[in-house]
Protein backbone atom coordinates (compact mmCIF):
# COMPACT_ATOMS: atom_id res chain seq x y z
CA MET A 1 -38.45 226.59 -19.70
CA ASN A 2 -36.34 228.50 -22.24
CA GLU A 3 -33.24 228.05 -20.09
CA ASP A 4 -33.74 224.28 -20.00
CA LYS A 5 -34.18 224.17 -23.75
CA LEU A 6 -31.09 226.33 -24.28
CA ARG A 7 -29.04 224.19 -21.88
CA GLU A 8 -30.21 221.02 -23.66
CA ASN A 9 -29.26 222.44 -27.08
CA VAL A 10 -25.83 223.53 -25.85
CA GLU A 11 -25.14 220.12 -24.29
CA LYS A 12 -26.26 218.43 -27.49
CA GLN A 13 -23.87 220.59 -29.53
CA VAL A 14 -21.00 219.88 -27.12
CA ARG A 15 -21.58 216.12 -27.41
CA ARG A 16 -21.70 216.40 -31.18
CA MET A 17 -18.42 218.35 -31.27
CA GLN A 18 -16.72 215.87 -28.94
CA LYS A 19 -17.87 212.96 -31.08
CA ALA A 20 -16.57 214.67 -34.23
CA GLN A 21 -13.23 215.32 -32.57
CA LYS A 22 -12.88 211.66 -31.51
CA GLU A 23 -13.73 210.43 -35.01
CA GLN A 24 -11.19 212.70 -36.71
CA PRO A 25 -8.69 210.49 -38.57
CA THR A 26 -5.10 210.55 -37.37
CA LEU A 27 -2.08 211.01 -39.59
CA LEU A 28 -1.31 207.30 -39.30
CA ALA A 29 -4.85 206.35 -40.34
CA GLN A 30 -4.67 208.68 -43.34
CA THR A 31 -1.28 207.28 -44.33
CA VAL A 32 -2.55 203.70 -44.12
CA PHE A 33 -5.61 204.64 -46.18
CA MET A 34 -3.51 206.24 -48.93
CA GLY A 35 -0.99 203.38 -48.92
CA THR A 36 -3.72 200.79 -49.28
CA LEU A 37 -5.39 202.78 -52.02
CA THR A 38 -2.08 203.05 -53.87
CA LEU A 39 -1.37 199.33 -53.58
CA LEU A 40 -4.84 198.46 -54.82
CA PHE A 41 -4.21 200.56 -57.91
CA VAL A 42 -0.53 199.89 -58.65
CA LEU A 43 -0.35 196.15 -57.99
CA PRO A 44 -2.66 195.05 -60.87
CA VAL A 45 -0.79 197.39 -63.26
CA ILE A 46 2.61 195.95 -62.35
CA LEU A 47 1.36 192.36 -62.44
CA GLY A 48 -0.25 192.95 -65.84
CA ALA A 49 2.97 194.41 -67.22
CA TYR A 50 5.12 191.54 -65.95
CA LEU A 51 2.71 188.86 -67.12
CA GLY A 52 2.41 190.53 -70.52
CA ARG A 53 6.18 190.78 -70.85
CA TRP A 54 6.56 187.09 -69.97
CA LEU A 55 3.92 186.09 -72.52
CA ASP A 56 5.57 188.26 -75.19
CA GLU A 57 8.91 186.57 -74.54
CA MET A 58 7.28 183.15 -74.91
CA ALA A 59 5.88 184.07 -78.33
CA GLU A 60 8.03 183.78 -81.43
CA GLY A 61 9.72 187.02 -82.36
CA TYR A 62 9.49 190.14 -80.28
CA SER A 63 6.09 191.64 -79.76
CA ILE A 64 4.56 193.90 -77.16
CA HIS A 65 0.91 193.07 -77.76
CA TRP A 66 0.46 191.09 -74.55
CA THR A 67 2.36 193.66 -72.53
CA ILE A 68 0.25 196.57 -73.74
CA GLY A 69 -3.01 194.64 -73.46
CA LEU A 70 -2.40 193.36 -69.94
CA LEU A 71 -1.01 196.71 -68.83
CA LEU A 72 -4.24 198.39 -69.91
CA LEU A 73 -6.27 195.64 -68.26
CA GLY A 74 -4.25 196.23 -65.07
CA LEU A 75 -5.07 199.95 -65.25
CA VAL A 76 -8.78 199.20 -65.55
CA ILE A 77 -8.75 196.65 -62.73
CA GLY A 78 -6.63 198.91 -60.52
CA GLY A 79 -8.92 201.86 -61.11
CA PHE A 80 -11.96 199.75 -60.31
CA ASN A 81 -10.30 198.42 -57.13
CA ALA A 82 -9.43 201.94 -56.01
CA TYR A 83 -12.97 203.15 -56.74
CA LEU A 84 -14.56 200.35 -54.72
CA TYR A 85 -12.17 200.85 -51.80
CA PHE A 86 -12.67 204.62 -51.78
CA ARG A 87 -16.46 204.27 -51.99
CA GLU A 88 -16.50 201.80 -49.09
CA HIS A 89 -14.27 203.83 -46.79
CA GLN A 90 -15.57 207.36 -47.35
């Protein structure tokens, strides 16, 4: 009886270890994850800066109010995007 229980526990542990080894992320998967996370953060920042710069050039005189405001908005949106993506995939 004890031998059967021991054998069952050992087999269960072996299956669990094999499953964990199969689910281990590869280098490519980790690289894709980090690249996607980076794009989700950086893209809104860059778009906000370019849009703000364009709006500042359209206004009379030189001002950086739109650039700074939309750059900060891009940071907030990018951070929120990264948070949601990280929370979903971890």
